[in-house]
Amino acid sequence: MWFHLMLAIFAMFDSAMASSGFDFGDTLALILGLIIGIIGFFACMGAYARHRISVETMP
């Protein structure tokens, strides 16, 4: 599975490098921003779910 993940990441780097408007730093910042944003979204969803379960189980 890690092989497929690394292959997908390298494919994103390769396709992003083909654009003349971005350099490697912009591409890296974009990809890291997307990853951090997605992780943050799921972290907030998990916190909301834990909070909702604790509220529902209270008598």
N, C-alpha and C. Protein backbone atom coordinates (compact mmCIF):
# COMPACT_ATOMS: atom_id res chain seq x y z
N MET A 1 0.82 -1.19 0.00
CA MET A 1 0.00 0.00 0.00
C MET A 1 0.86 1.26 0.00
N TRP A 2 1.97 1.24 0.76
CA TRP A 2 2.85 2.41 0.80
C TRP A 2 3.45 2.70 -0.56
N PHE A 3 3.69 1.63 -1.33
CA PHE A 3 4.24 1.82 -2.67
C PHE A 3 3.28 2.62 -3.54
N HIS A 4 2.00 2.28 -3.46
CA HIS A 4 0.99 2.99 -4.26
C HIS A 4 0.85 4.44 -3.81
N LEU A 5 0.93 4.68 -2.52
CA LEU A 5 0.85 6.03 -2.01
C LEU A 5 2.03 6.87 -2.48
N MET A 6 3.22 6.32 -2.39
CA MET A 6 4.41 7.05 -2.86
C MET A 6 4.35 7.27 -4.37
N LEU A 7 3.85 6.30 -5.11
CA LEU A 7 3.71 6.46 -6.55
C LEU A 7 2.74 7.59 -6.88
N ALA A 8 1.65 7.69 -6.14
CA ALA A 8 0.68 8.77 -6.37
C ALA A 8 1.29 10.12 -6.03
N ILE A 9 2.07 10.19 -4.96
CA ILE A 9 2.70 11.45 -4.58
C ILE A 9 3.71 11.88 -5.64
N PHE A 10 4.52 10.95 -6.11
CA PHE A 10 5.50 11.30 -7.15
C PHE A 10 4.81 11.68 -8.44
N ALA A 11 3.67 11.07 -8.74
CA ALA A 11 2.94 11.44 -9.95
C ALA A 11 2.40 12.86 -9.84
N MET A 12 1.97 13.27 -8.63
CA MET A 12 1.51 14.65 -8.45
C MET A 12 2.67 15.62 -8.62
N PHE A 13 3.84 15.26 -8.10
CA PHE A 13 5.01 16.12 -8.28
C PHE A 13 5.35 16.27 -9.75
N ASP A 14 5.28 15.16 -10.49
CA ASP A 14 5.65 15.19 -11.90
C ASP A 14 4.67 16.03 -12.71
N SER A 15 3.38 15.88 -12.45
CA SER A 15 2.40 16.65 -13.21
C SER A 15 2.44 18.12 -12.82
N ALA A 16 2.75 18.42 -11.57
CA ALA A 16 2.81 19.80 -11.14
C ALA A 16 4.07 20.49 -11.67
N MET A 17 5.12 19.76 -11.87
CA MET A 17 6.34 20.36 -12.40
C MET A 17 6.18 20.72 -13.87
N ALA A 18 5.21 20.15 -14.56
CA ALA A 18 5.00 20.46 -15.97
C ALA A 18 4.42 21.86 -16.15
N SER A 19 3.82 22.40 -15.12
CA SER A 19 3.25 23.73 -15.20
C SER A 19 4.36 24.78 -15.12
N SER A 20 4.33 25.76 -16.00
CA SER A 20 5.39 26.75 -16.02
C SER A 20 5.16 27.86 -14.99
N GLY A 21 3.94 27.98 -14.46
CA GLY A 21 3.65 29.03 -13.50
C GLY A 21 4.09 28.70 -12.09
N PHE A 22 4.24 27.43 -11.77
CA PHE A 22 4.64 26.99 -10.44
C PHE A 22 6.09 26.53 -10.47
N ASP A 23 6.78 26.78 -9.39
CA ASP A 23 8.07 26.13 -9.23
C ASP A 23 7.90 25.03 -8.17
N PHE A 24 8.98 24.37 -7.83
CA PHE A 24 8.86 23.22 -6.93
C PHE A 24 8.37 23.64 -5.55
N GLY A 25 8.79 24.79 -5.07
CA GLY A 25 8.36 25.25 -3.75
C GLY A 25 6.87 25.49 -3.68
N ASP A 26 6.30 26.08 -4.74
CA ASP A 26 4.85 26.31 -4.78
C ASP A 26 4.09 24.98 -4.81
N THR A 27 4.63 24.05 -5.58
CA THR A 27 3.99 22.74 -5.66
C THR A 27 4.01 22.03 -4.32
N LEU A 28 5.14 22.06 -3.68
CA LEU A 28 5.27 21.41 -2.37
C LEU A 28 4.35 22.06 -1.34
N ALA A 29 4.26 23.38 -1.36
CA ALA A 29 3.38 24.09 -0.42
C ALA A 29 1.92 23.74 -0.68
N LEU A 30 1.54 23.64 -1.94
CA LEU A 30 0.17 23.28 -2.28
C LEU A 30 -0.18 21.88 -1.80
N ILE A 31 0.70 20.93 -2.06
CA ILE A 31 0.43 19.55 -1.67
C ILE A 31 0.40 19.41 -0.15
N LEU A 32 1.36 20.03 0.54
CA LEU A 32 1.36 19.97 2.00
C LEU A 32 0.12 20.65 2.59
N GLY A 33 -0.28 21.76 2.00
CA GLY A 33 -1.48 22.44 2.47
C GLY A 33 -2.73 21.59 2.31
N LEU A 34 -2.82 20.91 1.18
CA LEU A 34 -3.97 20.01 0.97
C LEU A 34 -3.97 18.87 1.97
N ILE A 35 -2.81 18.28 2.19
CA ILE A 35 -2.73 17.16 3.14
C ILE A 35 -3.09 17.62 4.55
N ILE A 36 -2.54 18.75 4.97
CA ILE A 36 -2.83 19.26 6.32
C ILE A 36 -4.31 19.64 6.45
N GLY A 37 -4.88 20.21 5.39
CA GLY A 37 -6.30 20.56 5.42
C GLY A 37 -7.20 19.35 5.53
N ILE A 38 -6.86 18.29 4.80
CA ILE A 38 -7.67 17.06 4.84
C ILE A 38 -7.56 16.41 6.22
N ILE A 39 -6.35 16.34 6.76
CA ILE A 39 -6.17 15.76 8.09
C ILE A 39 -6.91 16.59 9.14
N GLY A 40 -6.87 17.91 9.02
CA GLY A 40 -7.59 18.77 9.95
C GLY A 40 -9.09 18.59 9.87
N PHE A 41 -9.60 18.43 8.65
CA PHE A 41 -11.04 18.19 8.48
C PHE A 41 -11.47 16.91 9.18
N PHE A 42 -10.73 15.83 8.97
CA PHE A 42 -11.10 14.57 9.60
C PHE A 42 -10.89 14.61 11.11
N ALA A 43 -9.90 15.36 11.59
CA ALA A 43 -9.71 15.51 13.04
C ALA A 43 -10.90 16.23 13.67
N CYS A 44 -11.39 17.26 12.99
CA CYS A 44 -12.57 17.97 13.50
C CYS A 44 -13.81 17.08 13.48
N MET A 45 -13.95 16.27 12.43
CA MET A 45 -15.09 15.35 12.37
C MET A 45 -15.02 14.31 13.48
N GLY A 46 -13.82 13.82 13.80
CA GLY A 46 -13.66 12.87 14.88
C GLY A 46 -13.96 13.48 16.24
N ALA A 47 -13.52 14.72 16.45
CA ALA A 47 -13.81 15.40 17.71
C ALA A 47 -15.31 15.64 17.85
N TYR A 48 -15.96 16.02 16.76
CA TYR A 48 -17.41 16.23 16.80
C TYR A 48 -18.14 14.93 17.11
N ALA A 49 -17.69 13.83 16.51
CA ALA A 49 -18.34 12.54 16.74
C ALA A 49 -18.17 12.10 18.20
N ARG A 50 -16.95 12.28 18.74
CA ARG A 50 -16.74 11.92 20.15
C ARG A 50 -17.57 12.79 21.08
N HIS A 51 -17.68 14.06 20.77
CA HIS A 51 -18.49 14.97 21.59
C HIS A 51 -19.97 14.58 21.51
N ARG A 52 -20.44 14.26 20.34
CA ARG A 52 -21.84 13.90 20.13
C ARG A 52 -22.18 12.60 20.88
N ILE A 53 -21.28 11.63 20.85
CA ILE A 53 -21.52 10.36 21.55
C ILE A 53 -21.55 10.60 23.06
N SER A 54 -20.65 11.43 23.56
CA SER A 54 -20.64 11.66 25.01
C SER A 54 -21.89 12.42 25.47
N VAL A 55 -22.42 13.29 24.64
CA VAL A 55 -23.63 14.02 24.99
C VAL A 55 -24.85 13.10 24.96
N GLU A 56 -24.89 12.19 23.99
CA GLU A 56 -26.03 11.27 23.87
C GLU A 56 -26.08 10.24 24.99
N THR A 57 -24.92 9.87 25.54
CA THR A 57 -24.91 8.83 26.58
C THR A 57 -25.14 9.40 27.97
N MET A 58 -25.15 10.70 28.12
CA MET A 58 -25.40 11.30 29.43
C MET A 58 -26.87 11.14 29.80
N PRO A 59 -27.16 10.81 31.07
CA PRO A 59 -28.57 10.61 31.47
C PRO A 59 -29.34 11.90 31.62
